[in-house]
Amino acid sequence: MSDSNNLPKAISHKKLSSLLINAHKDRFSSIGENNVIETEQQEFAELLENWEESTKDIINKVSSKNKNILKDKSSNSIMALGAMEVHLNMALQALKVFINDKKE
């Protein structure tokens, strides 16, 4: 309890930042942090995998030029769908770069 009497009543932001930068890391907190990081990375990988599958399904449907899908659509709407297909393909290419970079 006597240690708490030595605490300052106020501390500047600059001094607090300096203390935080120079403080030793708690070795037990890093174990929990690693678990959180691994869990977040796993969840993100699953989301990307699901997105990739869905995107490929959409591209396949659009590429098939199914007349039932395009029925009653204007030419502008069909062109927009084509542009979306191009962007989805570019997004899949970007995903491949991200995944390959992560493995190296």
PDB file of N, CA and C in Angstrom:
ATOM      1  N   MET A   1       0.816  -1.193   0.000  1.00  0.00           N
ATOM      2  CA  MET A   1       0.000   0.000   0.000  1.00  0.00           C
ATOM      3  C   MET A   1       0.858   1.253   0.000  1.00  0.00           C
ATOM      4  N   SER A   2       2.059   1.152   0.578  1.00  0.00           N
ATOM      5  CA  SER A   2       2.928   2.319   0.611  1.00  0.00           C
ATOM      6  C   SER A   2       3.438   2.669  -0.782  1.00  0.00           C
ATOM      7  N   ASP A   3       3.496   1.673  -1.686  1.00  0.00           N
ATOM      8  CA  ASP A   3       3.926   1.946  -3.055  1.00  0.00           C
ATOM      9  C   ASP A   3       2.954   2.876  -3.763  1.00  0.00           C
ATOM     10  N   SER A   4       1.671   2.745  -3.452  1.00  0.00           N
ATOM     11  CA  SER A   4       0.685   3.578  -4.121  1.00  0.00           C
ATOM     12  C   SER A   4       0.808   5.038  -3.703  1.00  0.00           C
ATOM     13  N   ASN A   5       1.416   5.309  -2.575  1.00  0.00           N
ATOM     14  CA  ASN A   5       1.616   6.695  -2.128  1.00  0.00           C
ATOM     15  C   ASN A   5       2.676   7.391  -2.979  1.00  0.00           C
ATOM     16  N   ASN A   6       3.538   6.614  -3.633  1.00  0.00           N
ATOM     17  CA  ASN A   6       4.605   7.187  -4.436  1.00  0.00           C
ATOM     18  C   ASN A   6       4.156   7.499  -5.869  1.00  0.00           C
ATOM     19  N   LEU A   7       2.942   7.132  -6.229  1.00  0.00           N
ATOM     20  CA  LEU A   7       2.438   7.363  -7.577  1.00  0.00           C
ATOM     21  C   LEU A   7       2.156   8.840  -7.796  1.00  0.00           C
ATOM     22  N   PRO A   8       2.491   9.346  -8.973  1.00  0.00           N
ATOM     23  CA  PRO A   8       2.205  10.758  -9.253  1.00  0.00           C
ATOM     24  C   PRO A   8       0.704  10.964  -9.454  1.00  0.00           C
ATOM     25  N   LYS A   9       0.239  12.165  -9.180  1.00  0.00           N
ATOM     26  CA  LYS A   9      -1.180  12.478  -9.350  1.00  0.00           C
ATOM     27  C   LYS A   9      -1.531  12.671 -10.818  1.00  0.00           C
ATOM     28  N   ALA A  10      -0.552  13.030 -11.640  1.00  0.00           N
ATOM     29  CA  ALA A  10      -0.782  13.242 -13.063  1.00  0.00           C
ATOM     30  C   ALA A  10       0.470  12.853 -13.830  1.00  0.00           C
ATOM     31  N   ILE A  11       0.263  12.546 -15.103  1.00  0.00           N
ATOM     32  CA  ILE A  11       1.398  12.194 -15.962  1.00  0.00           C
ATOM     33  C   ILE A  11       1.108  12.741 -17.357  1.00  0.00           C
ATOM     34  N   SER A  12       2.136  13.251 -17.982  1.00  0.00           N
ATOM     35  CA  SER A  12       1.935  13.822 -19.313  1.00  0.00           C
ATOM     36  C   SER A  12       1.816  12.707 -20.352  1.00  0.00           C
ATOM     37  N   HIS A  13       1.210  13.031 -21.465  1.00  0.00           N
ATOM     38  CA  HIS A  13       1.054  12.061 -22.549  1.00  0.00           C
ATOM     39  C   HIS A  13       2.429  11.639 -23.054  1.00  0.00           C
ATOM     40  N   LYS A  14       3.339  12.579 -23.152  1.00  0.00           N
ATOM     41  CA  LYS A  14       4.690  12.298 -23.638  1.00  0.00           C
ATOM     42  C   LYS A  14       5.398  11.311 -22.706  1.00  0.00           C
ATOM     43  N   LYS A  15       5.290  11.529 -21.412  1.00  0.00           N
ATOM     44  CA  LYS A  15       5.928  10.646 -20.432  1.00  0.00           C
ATOM     45  C   LYS A  15       5.288   9.259 -20.468  1.00  0.00           C
ATOM     46  N   LEU A  16       3.962   9.202 -20.576  1.00  0.00           N
ATOM     47  CA  LEU A  16       3.257   7.924 -20.633  1.00  0.00           C
ATOM     48  C   LEU A  16       3.667   7.152 -21.885  1.00  0.00           C
ATOM     49  N   SER A  17       3.747   7.827 -23.016  1.00  0.00           N
ATOM     50  CA  SER A  17       4.188   7.174 -24.264  1.00  0.00           C
ATOM     51  C   SER A  17       5.592   6.621 -24.123  1.00  0.00           C
ATOM     52  N   SER A  18       6.459   7.387 -23.497  1.00  0.00           N
ATOM     53  CA  SER A  18       7.832   6.949 -23.276  1.00  0.00           C
ATOM     54  C   SER A  18       7.871   5.702 -22.399  1.00  0.00           C
ATOM     55  N   LEU A  19       7.063   5.684 -21.357  1.00  0.00           N
ATOM     56  CA  LEU A  19       7.014   4.515 -20.474  1.00  0.00           C
ATOM     57  C   LEU A  19       6.485   3.278 -21.207  1.00  0.00           C
ATOM     58  N   LEU A  20       5.462   3.472 -22.028  1.00  0.00           N
ATOM     59  CA  LEU A  20       4.896   2.349 -22.770  1.00  0.00           C
ATOM     60  C   LEU A  20       5.879   1.786 -23.784  1.00  0.00           C
ATOM     61  N   ILE A  21       6.633   2.654 -24.435  1.00  0.00           N
ATOM     62  CA  ILE A  21       7.608   2.200 -25.434  1.00  0.00           C
ATOM     63  C   ILE A  21       8.733   1.410 -24.773  1.00  0.00           C
ATOM     64  N   ASN A  22       9.162   1.867 -23.604  1.00  0.00           N
ATOM     65  CA  ASN A  22      10.299   1.248 -22.925  1.00  0.00           C
ATOM     66  C   ASN A  22       9.909   0.109 -21.988  1.00  0.00           C
ATOM     67  N   ALA A  23       8.625  -0.129 -21.797  1.00  0.00           N
ATOM     68  CA  ALA A  23       8.177  -1.170 -20.876  1.00  0.00           C
ATOM     69  C   ALA A  23       8.499  -2.550 -21.425  1.00  0.00           C
ATOM     70  N   HIS A  24       8.827  -3.461 -20.518  1.00  0.00           N
ATOM     71  CA  HIS A  24       9.082  -4.851 -20.910  1.00  0.00           C
ATOM     72  C   HIS A  24       7.754  -5.536 -21.197  1.00  0.00           C
ATOM     73  N   LYS A  25       7.760  -6.359 -22.228  1.00  0.00           N
ATOM     74  CA  LYS A  25       6.551  -7.072 -22.634  1.00  0.00           C
ATOM     75  C   LYS A  25       6.306  -8.212 -21.646  1.00  0.00           C
ATOM     76  N   ASP A  26       5.059  -8.380 -21.260  1.00  0.00           N
ATOM     77  CA  ASP A  26       4.672  -9.474 -20.390  1.00  0.00           C
ATOM     78  C   ASP A  26       4.708 -10.763 -21.200  1.00  0.00           C
ATOM     79  N   ARG A  27       5.494 -11.733 -20.760  1.00  0.00           N
ATOM     80  CA  ARG A  27       5.660 -12.946 -21.566  1.00  0.00           C
ATOM     81  C   ARG A  27       4.387 -13.767 -21.656  1.00  0.00           C
ATOM     82  N   PHE A  28       3.486 -13.649 -20.707  1.00  0.00           N
ATOM     83  CA  PHE A  28       2.241 -14.403 -20.751  1.00  0.00           C
ATOM     84  C   PHE A  28       1.215 -13.751 -21.669  1.00  0.00           C
ATOM     85  N   SER A  29       1.299 -12.458 -21.840  1.00  0.00           N
ATOM     86  CA  SER A  29       0.337 -11.785 -22.719  1.00  0.00           C
ATOM     87  C   SER A  29       0.594 -12.121 -24.181  1.00  0.00           C
ATOM     88  N   SER A  30       1.843 -12.396 -24.530  1.00  0.00           N
ATOM     89  CA  SER A  30       2.146 -12.709 -25.925  1.00  0.00           C
ATOM     90  C   SER A  30       1.569 -14.064 -26.333  1.00  0.00           C
ATOM     91  N   ILE A  31       1.429 -14.983 -25.405  1.00  0.00           N
ATOM     92  CA  ILE A  31       0.824 -16.287 -25.713  1.00  0.00           C
ATOM     93  C   ILE A  31      -0.624 -16.086 -26.123  1.00  0.00           C
ATOM     94  N   GLY A  32      -1.344 -15.290 -25.371  1.00  0.00           N
ATOM     95  CA  GLY A  32      -2.731 -14.992 -25.706  1.00  0.00           C
ATOM     96  C   GLY A  32      -2.849 -14.236 -27.011  1.00  0.00           C
ATOM     97  N   GLU A  33      -1.919 -13.312 -27.240  1.00  0.00           N
ATOM     98  CA  GLU A  33      -1.917 -12.541 -28.483  1.00  0.00           C
ATOM     99  C   GLU A  33      -1.705 -13.447 -29.686  1.00  0.00           C
ATOM    100  N   ASN A  34      -0.802 -14.417 -29.552  1.00  0.00           N
ATOM    101  CA  ASN A  34      -0.539 -15.343 -30.653  1.00  0.00           C
ATOM    102  C   ASN A  34      -1.785 -16.159 -30.977  1.00  0.00           C
ATOM    103  N   ASN A  35      -2.520 -16.589 -29.953  1.00  0.00           N
ATOM    104  CA  ASN A  35      -3.749 -17.345 -30.185  1.00  0.00           C
ATOM    105  C   ASN A  35      -4.786 -16.489 -30.896  1.00  0.00           C
ATOM    106  N   VAL A  36      -4.902 -15.234 -30.494  1.00  0.00           N
ATOM    107  CA  VAL A  36      -5.853 -14.316 -31.122  1.00  0.00           C
ATOM    108  C   VAL A  36      -5.475 -14.085 -32.572  1.00  0.00           C
ATOM    109  N   ILE A  37      -4.190 -13.876 -32.820  1.00  0.00           N
ATOM    110  CA  ILE A  37      -3.719 -13.641 -34.187  1.00  0.00           C
ATOM    111  C   ILE A  37      -3.989 -14.855 -35.056  1.00  0.00           C
ATOM    112  N   GLU A  38      -3.666 -16.046 -34.542  1.00  0.00           N
ATOM    113  CA  GLU A  38      -3.902 -17.271 -35.310  1.00  0.00           C
ATOM    114  C   GLU A  38      -5.385 -17.468 -35.604  1.00  0.00           C
ATOM    115  N   THR A  39      -6.232 -17.203 -34.623  1.00  0.00           N
ATOM    116  CA  THR A  39      -7.672 -17.348 -34.811  1.00  0.00           C
ATOM    117  C   THR A  39      -8.177 -16.368 -35.862  1.00  0.00           C
ATOM    118  N   GLU A  40      -7.743 -15.116 -35.778  1.00  0.00           N
ATOM    119  CA  GLU A  40      -8.162 -14.110 -36.756  1.00  0.00           C
ATOM    120  C   GLU A  40      -7.683 -14.473 -38.158  1.00  0.00           C
ATOM    121  N   GLN A  41      -6.449 -14.966 -38.259  1.00  0.00           N
ATOM    122  CA  GLN A  41      -5.922 -15.354 -39.570  1.00  0.00           C
ATOM    123  C   GLN A  41      -6.706 -16.538 -40.138  1.00  0.00           C
ATOM    124  N   GLN A  42      -7.055 -17.490 -39.278  1.00  0.00           N
ATOM    125  CA  GLN A  42      -7.821 -18.652 -39.730  1.00  0.00           C
ATOM    126  C   GLN A  42      -9.216 -18.236 -40.185  1.00  0.00           C
ATOM    127  N   GLU A  43      -9.876 -17.371 -39.416  1.00  0.00           N
ATOM    128  CA  GLU A  43     -11.205 -16.889 -39.793  1.00  0.00           C
ATOM    129  C   GLU A  43     -11.146 -16.134 -41.119  1.00  0.00           C
ATOM    130  N   PHE A  44     -10.118 -15.307 -41.286  1.00  0.00           N
ATOM    131  CA  PHE A  44      -9.969 -14.538 -42.525  1.00  0.00           C
ATOM    132  C   PHE A  44      -9.731 -15.471 -43.711  1.00  0.00           C
ATOM    133  N   ALA A  45      -8.900 -16.498 -43.515  1.00  0.00           N
ATOM    134  CA  ALA A  45      -8.631 -17.463 -44.587  1.00  0.00           C
ATOM    135  C   ALA A  45      -9.909 -18.189 -44.996  1.00  0.00           C
ATOM    136  N   GLU A  46     -10.742 -18.538 -44.015  1.00  0.00           N
ATOM    137  CA  GLU A  46     -12.018 -19.198 -44.317  1.00  0.00           C
ATOM    138  C   GLU A  46     -12.944 -18.268 -45.091  1.00  0.00           C
ATOM    139  N   LEU A  47     -12.999 -16.998 -44.696  1.00  0.00           N
ATOM    140  CA  LEU A  47     -13.820 -16.023 -45.415  1.00  0.00           C
ATOM    141  C   LEU A  47     -13.347 -15.882 -46.860  1.00  0.00           C
ATOM    142  N   LEU A  48     -12.037 -15.800 -47.045  1.00  0.00           N
ATOM    143  CA  LEU A  48     -11.498 -15.678 -48.398  1.00  0.00           C
ATOM    144  C   LEU A  48     -11.809 -16.910 -49.231  1.00  0.00           C
ATOM    145  N   GLU A  49     -11.717 -18.075 -48.612  1.00  0.00           N
ATOM    146  CA  GLU A  49     -12.020 -19.311 -49.335  1.00  0.00           C
ATOM    147  C   GLU A  49     -13.485 -19.342 -49.768  1.00  0.00           C
ATOM    148  N   ASN A  50     -14.381 -18.969 -48.857  1.00  0.00           N
ATOM    149  CA  ASN A  50     -15.806 -18.918 -49.190  1.00  0.00           C
ATOM    150  C   ASN A  50     -16.077 -17.884 -50.284  1.00  0.00           C
ATOM    151  N   TRP A  51     -15.420 -16.728 -50.171  1.00  0.00           N
ATOM    152  CA  TRP A  51     -15.601 -15.680 -51.173  1.00  0.00           C
ATOM    153  C   TRP A  51     -15.116 -16.155 -52.535  1.00  0.00           C
ATOM    154  N   GLU A  52     -13.970 -16.840 -52.543  1.00  0.00           N
ATOM    155  CA  GLU A  52     -13.416 -17.326 -53.806  1.00  0.00           C
ATOM    156  C   GLU A  52     -14.377 -18.311 -54.478  1.00  0.00           C
ATOM    157  N   GLU A  53     -14.922 -19.233 -53.706  1.00  0.00           N
ATOM    158  CA  GLU A  53     -15.868 -20.207 -54.269  1.00  0.00           C
ATOM    159  C   GLU A  53     -17.113 -19.517 -54.821  1.00  0.00           C
ATOM    160  N   SER A  54     -17.674 -18.595 -54.059  1.00  0.00           N
ATOM    161  CA  SER A  54     -18.871 -17.867 -54.501  1.00  0.00           C
ATOM    162  C   SER A  54     -18.583 -17.051 -55.752  1.00  0.00           C
ATOM    163  N   THR A  55     -17.447 -16.392 -55.767  1.00  0.00           N
ATOM    164  CA  THR A  55     -17.075 -15.565 -56.913  1.00  0.00           C
ATOM    165  C   THR A  55     -16.909 -16.405 -58.169  1.00  0.00           C
ATOM    166  N   LYS A  56     -16.273 -17.563 -58.028  1.00  0.00           N
ATOM    167  CA  LYS A  56     -16.099 -18.443 -59.181  1.00  0.00           C
ATOM    168  C   LYS A  56     -17.457 -18.932 -59.695  1.00  0.00           C
ATOM    169  N   ASP A  57     -18.379 -19.217 -58.779  1.00  0.00           N
ATOM    170  CA  ASP A  57     -19.728 -19.632 -59.185  1.00  0.00           C
ATOM    171  C   ASP A  57     -20.428 -18.518 -59.968  1.00  0.00           C
ATOM    172  N   ILE A  58     -20.311 -17.294 -59.482  1.00  0.00           N
ATOM    173  CA  ILE A  58     -20.930 -16.147 -60.165  1.00  0.00           C
ATOM    174  C   ILE A  58     -20.322 -15.956 -61.550  1.00  0.00           C
ATOM    175  N   ILE A  59     -19.006 -16.028 -61.633  1.00  0.00           N
ATOM    176  CA  ILE A  59     -18.335 -15.859 -62.924  1.00  0.00           C
ATOM    177  C   ILE A  59     -18.777 -16.942 -63.899  1.00  0.00           C
ATOM    178  N   ASN A  60     -18.882 -18.168 -63.426  1.00  0.00           N
ATOM    179  CA  ASN A  60     -19.324 -19.260 -64.296  1.00  0.00           C
ATOM    180  C   ASN A  60     -20.743 -19.018 -64.814  1.00  0.00           C
ATOM    181  N   LYS A  61     -21.622 -18.522 -63.952  1.00  0.00           N
ATOM    182  CA  LYS A  61     -23.002 -18.227 -64.374  1.00  0.00           C
ATOM    183  C   LYS A  61     -23.024 -17.108 -65.401  1.00  0.00           C
ATOM    184  N   VAL A  62     -22.268 -16.054 -65.137  1.00  0.00           N
ATOM    185  CA  VAL A  62     -22.241 -14.918 -66.061  1.00  0.00           C
ATOM    186  C   VAL A  62     -21.617 -15.336 -67.384  1.00  0.00           C
ATOM    187  N   SER A  63     -20.547 -16.117 -67.329  1.00  0.00           N
ATOM    188  CA  SER A  63     -19.848 -16.549 -68.547  1.00  0.00           C
ATOM    189  C   SER A  63     -20.699 -17.474 -69.410  1.00  0.00           C
ATOM    190  N   SER A  64     -21.600 -18.214 -68.774  1.00  0.00           N
ATOM    191  CA  SER A  64     -22.428 -19.156 -69.532  1.00  0.00           C
ATOM    192  C   SER A  64     -23.451 -18.433 -70.408  1.00  0.00           C
ATOM    193  N   LYS A  65     -23.643 -17.141 -70.121  1.00  0.00           N
ATOM    194  CA  LYS A  65     -24.611 -16.319 -70.863  1.00  0.00           C
ATOM    195  C   LYS A  65     -25.984 -16.995 -70.905  1.00  0.00           C
ATOM    196  N   ASN A  66     -26.387 -17.487 -69.772  1.00  0.00           N
ATOM    197  CA  ASN A  66     -27.677 -18.149 -69.627  1.00  0.00           C
ATOM    198  C   ASN A  66     -28.790 -17.160 -69.966  1.00  0.00           C
ATOM    199  N   LYS A  67     -29.609 -17.528 -70.913  1.00  0.00           N
ATOM    200  CA  LYS A  67     -30.671 -16.629 -71.384  1.00  0.00           C
ATOM    201  C   LYS A  67     -31.692 -16.340 -70.297  1.00  0.00           C
ATOM    202  N   ASN A  68     -31.902 -17.273 -69.389  1.00  0.00           N
ATOM    203  CA  ASN A  68     -32.858 -17.046 -68.304  1.00  0.00           C
ATOM    204  C   ASN A  68     -32.368 -15.963 -67.338  1.00  0.00           C
ATOM    205  N   ILE A  69     -31.065 -15.892 -67.135  1.00  0.00           N
ATOM    206  CA  ILE A  69     -30.498 -14.874 -66.245  1.00  0.00           C
ATOM    207  C   ILE A  69     -30.606 -13.493 -66.885  1.00  0.00           C
ATOM    208  N   LEU A  70     -30.388 -13.437 -68.193  1.00  0.00           N
ATOM    209  CA  LEU A  70     -30.343 -12.153 -68.887  1.00  0.00           C
ATOM    210  C   LEU A  70     -31.702 -11.711 -69.434  1.00  0.00           C
ATOM    211  N   LYS A  71     -32.705 -12.527 -69.209  1.00  0.00           N
ATOM    212  CA  LYS A  71     -34.037 -12.219 -69.735  1.00  0.00           C
ATOM    213  C   LYS A  71     -34.547 -10.904 -69.143  1.00  0.00           C
ATOM    214  N   ASP A  72     -35.119 -10.074 -69.979  1.00  0.00           N
ATOM    215  CA  ASP A  72     -35.712  -8.784 -69.588  1.00  0.00           C
ATOM    216  C   ASP A  72     -34.684  -7.797 -69.035  1.00  0.00           C
ATOM    217  N   LYS A  73     -33.420  -7.923 -69.408  1.00  0.00           N
ATOM    218  CA  LYS A  73     -32.393  -6.978 -68.963  1.00  0.00           C
ATOM    219  C   LYS A  73     -32.017  -6.059 -70.112  1.00  0.00           C
ATOM    220  N   SER A  74     -31.769  -4.809 -69.805  1.00  0.00           N
ATOM    221  CA  SER A  74     -31.393  -3.837 -70.837  1.00  0.00           C
ATOM    222  C   SER A  74     -29.940  -4.073 -71.257  1.00  0.00           C
ATOM    223  N   SER A  75     -29.546  -3.468 -72.360  1.00  0.00           N
ATOM    224  CA  SER A  75     -28.165  -3.611 -72.837  1.00  0.00           C
ATOM    225  C   SER A  75     -27.183  -2.999 -71.841  1.00  0.00           C
ATOM    226  N   ASN A  76     -27.578  -1.894 -71.198  1.00  0.00           N
ATOM    227  CA  ASN A  76     -26.714  -1.284 -70.179  1.00  0.00           C
ATOM    228  C   ASN A  76     -26.517  -2.234 -69.002  1.00  0.00           C
ATOM    229  N   SER A  77     -27.562  -2.923 -68.612  1.00  0.00           N
ATOM    230  CA  SER A  77     -27.479  -3.870 -67.514  1.00  0.00           C
ATOM    231  C   SER A  77     -26.558  -5.033 -67.862  1.00  0.00           C
ATOM    232  N   ILE A  78     -26.650  -5.509 -69.093  1.00  0.00           N
ATOM    233  CA  ILE A  78     -25.805  -6.620 -69.543  1.00  0.00           C
ATOM    234  C   ILE A  78     -24.343  -6.183 -69.611  1.00  0.00           C
ATOM    235  N   MET A  79     -24.098  -4.950 -70.072  1.00  0.00           N
ATOM    236  CA  MET A  79     -22.724  -4.429 -70.113  1.00  0.00           C
ATOM    237  C   MET A  79     -22.176  -4.282 -68.685  1.00  0.00           C
ATOM    238  N   ALA A  80     -23.018  -3.842 -67.771  1.00  0.00           N
ATOM    239  CA  ALA A  80     -22.587  -3.701 -66.379  1.00  0.00           C
ATOM    240  C   ALA A  80     -22.220  -5.061 -65.793  1.00  0.00           C
ATOM    241  N   LEU A  81     -22.976  -6.077 -66.131  1.00  0.00           N
ATOM    242  CA  LEU A  81     -22.689  -7.429 -65.669  1.00  0.00           C
ATOM    243  C   LEU A  81     -21.342  -7.901 -66.231  1.00  0.00           C
ATOM    244  N   GLY A  82     -21.074  -7.564 -67.483  1.00  0.00           N
ATOM    245  CA  GLY A  82     -19.777  -7.897 -68.078  1.00  0.00           C
ATOM    246  C   GLY A  82     -18.629  -7.196 -67.371  1.00  0.00           C
ATOM    247  N   ALA A  83     -18.838  -5.928 -67.029  1.00  0.00           N
ATOM    248  CA  ALA A  83     -17.811  -5.184 -66.295  1.00  0.00           C
ATOM    249  C   ALA A  83     -17.586  -5.798 -64.921  1.00  0.00           C
ATOM    250  N   MET A  84     -18.674  -6.227 -64.284  1.00  0.00           N
ATOM    251  CA  MET A  84     -18.557  -6.869 -62.984  1.00  0.00           C
ATOM    252  C   MET A  84     -17.741  -8.158 -63.108  1.00  0.00           C
ATOM    253  N   GLU A  85     -17.978  -8.903 -64.174  1.00  0.00           N
ATOM    254  CA  GLU A  85     -17.233 -10.145 -64.395  1.00  0.00           C
ATOM    255  C   GLU A  85     -15.730  -9.863 -64.498  1.00  0.00           C
ATOM    256  N   VAL A  86     -15.382  -8.818 -65.229  1.00  0.00           N
ATOM    257  CA  VAL A  86     -13.966  -8.445 -65.373  1.00  0.00           C
ATOM    258  C   VAL A  86     -13.370  -8.091 -64.014  1.00  0.00           C
ATOM    259  N   HIS A  87     -14.089  -7.306 -63.233  1.00  0.00           N
ATOM    260  CA  HIS A  87     -13.589  -6.910 -61.918  1.00  0.00           C
ATOM    261  C   HIS A  87     -13.466  -8.103 -60.981  1.00  0.00           C
ATOM    262  N   LEU A  88     -14.395  -9.022 -61.042  1.00  0.00           N
ATOM    263  CA  LEU A  88     -14.306 -10.218 -60.210  1.00  0.00           C
ATOM    264  C   LEU A  88     -13.095 -11.060 -60.596  1.00  0.00           C
ATOM    265  N   ASN A  89     -12.823 -11.165 -61.889  1.00  0.00           N
ATOM    266  CA  ASN A  89     -11.627 -11.894 -62.326  1.00  0.00           C
ATOM    267  C   ASN A  89     -10.349 -11.223 -61.825  1.00  0.00           C
ATOM    268  N   MET A  90     -10.310  -9.897 -61.864  1.00  0.00           N
ATOM    269  CA  MET A  90      -9.146  -9.179 -61.343  1.00  0.00           C
ATOM    270  C   MET A  90      -9.011  -9.398 -59.827  1.00  0.00           C
ATOM    271  N   ALA A  91     -10.144  -9.412 -59.132  1.00  0.00           N
ATOM    272  CA  ALA A  91     -10.114  -9.642 -57.693  1.00  0.00           C
ATOM    273  C   ALA A  91      -9.595 -11.044 -57.379  1.00  0.00           C
ATOM    274  N   LEU A  92      -9.970 -12.028 -58.182  1.00  0.00           N
ATOM    275  CA  LEU A  92      -9.457 -13.389 -57.983  1.00  0.00           C
ATOM    276  C   LEU A  92      -7.950 -13.444 -58.217  1.00  0.00           C
ATOM    277  N   GLN A  93      -7.471 -12.708 -59.216  1.00  0.00           N
ATOM    278  CA  GLN A  93      -6.028 -12.648 -59.458  1.00  0.00           C
ATOM    279  C   GLN A  93      -5.312 -12.004 -58.277  1.00  0.00           C
ATOM    280  N   ALA A  94      -5.894 -10.956 -57.726  1.00  0.00           N
ATOM    281  CA  ALA A  94      -5.309 -10.296 -56.553  1.00  0.00           C
ATOM    282  C   ALA A  94      -5.284 -11.249 -55.365  1.00  0.00           C
ATOM    283  N   LEU A  95      -6.334 -12.028 -55.216  1.00  0.00           N
ATOM    284  CA  LEU A  95      -6.384 -13.008 -54.124  1.00  0.00           C
ATOM    285  C   LEU A  95      -5.267 -14.036 -54.277  1.00  0.00           C
ATOM    286  N   LYS A  96      -5.027 -14.494 -55.500  1.00  0.00           N
ATOM    287  CA  LYS A  96      -3.948 -15.464 -55.737  1.00  0.00           C
ATOM    288  C   LYS A  96      -2.599 -14.879 -55.339  1.00  0.00           C
ATOM    289  N   VAL A  97      -2.366 -13.607 -55.667  1.00  0.00           N
ATOM    290  CA  VAL A  97      -1.113 -12.953 -55.281  1.00  0.00           C
ATOM    291  C   VAL A  97      -1.003 -12.895 -53.759  1.00  0.00           C
ATOM    292  N   PHE A  98      -2.085 -12.542 -53.091  1.00  0.00           N
ATOM    293  CA  PHE A  98      -2.083 -12.472 -51.631  1.00  0.00           C
ATOM    294  C   PHE A  98      -1.778 -13.832 -51.018  1.00  0.00           C
ATOM    295  N   ILE A  99      -2.422 -14.876 -51.514  1.00  0.00           N
ATOM    296  CA  ILE A  99      -2.230 -16.220 -50.963  1.00  0.00           C
ATOM    297  C   ILE A  99      -0.791 -16.702 -51.224  1.00  0.00           C
ATOM    298  N   ASN A 100      -0.285 -16.492 -52.425  1.00  0.00           N
ATOM    299  CA  ASN A 100       1.085 -16.921 -52.738  1.00  0.00           C
ATOM    300  C   ASN A 100       2.115 -16.158 -51.935  1.00  0.00           C
ATOM    301  N   ASP A 101       1.883 -14.879 -51.684  1.00  0.00           N
ATOM    302  CA  ASP A 101       2.797 -14.076 -50.888  1.00  0.00           C
ATOM    303  C   ASP A 101       2.818 -14.561 -49.453  1.00  0.00           C
ATOM    304  N   LYS A 102       1.680 -14.974 -48.954  1.00  0.00           N
ATOM    305  CA  LYS A 102       1.571 -15.432 -47.566  1.00  0.00           C
ATOM    306  C   LYS A 102       2.358 -16.719 -47.349  1.00  0.00           C
ATOM    307  N   LYS A 103       2.452 -17.566 -48.375  1.00  0.00           N
ATOM    308  CA  LYS A 103       3.125 -18.853 -48.249  1.00  0.00           C
ATOM    309  C   LYS A 103       4.633 -18.716 -48.280  1.00  0.00           C
ATOM    310  N   GLU A 104       5.148 -17.676 -48.895  1.00  0.00           N
ATOM    311  CA  GLU A 104       6.607 -17.533 -49.056  1.00  0.00           C
ATOM    312  C   GLU A 104       7.291 -17.072 -47.812  1.00  0.00           C
TER     313      GLU A 104
END
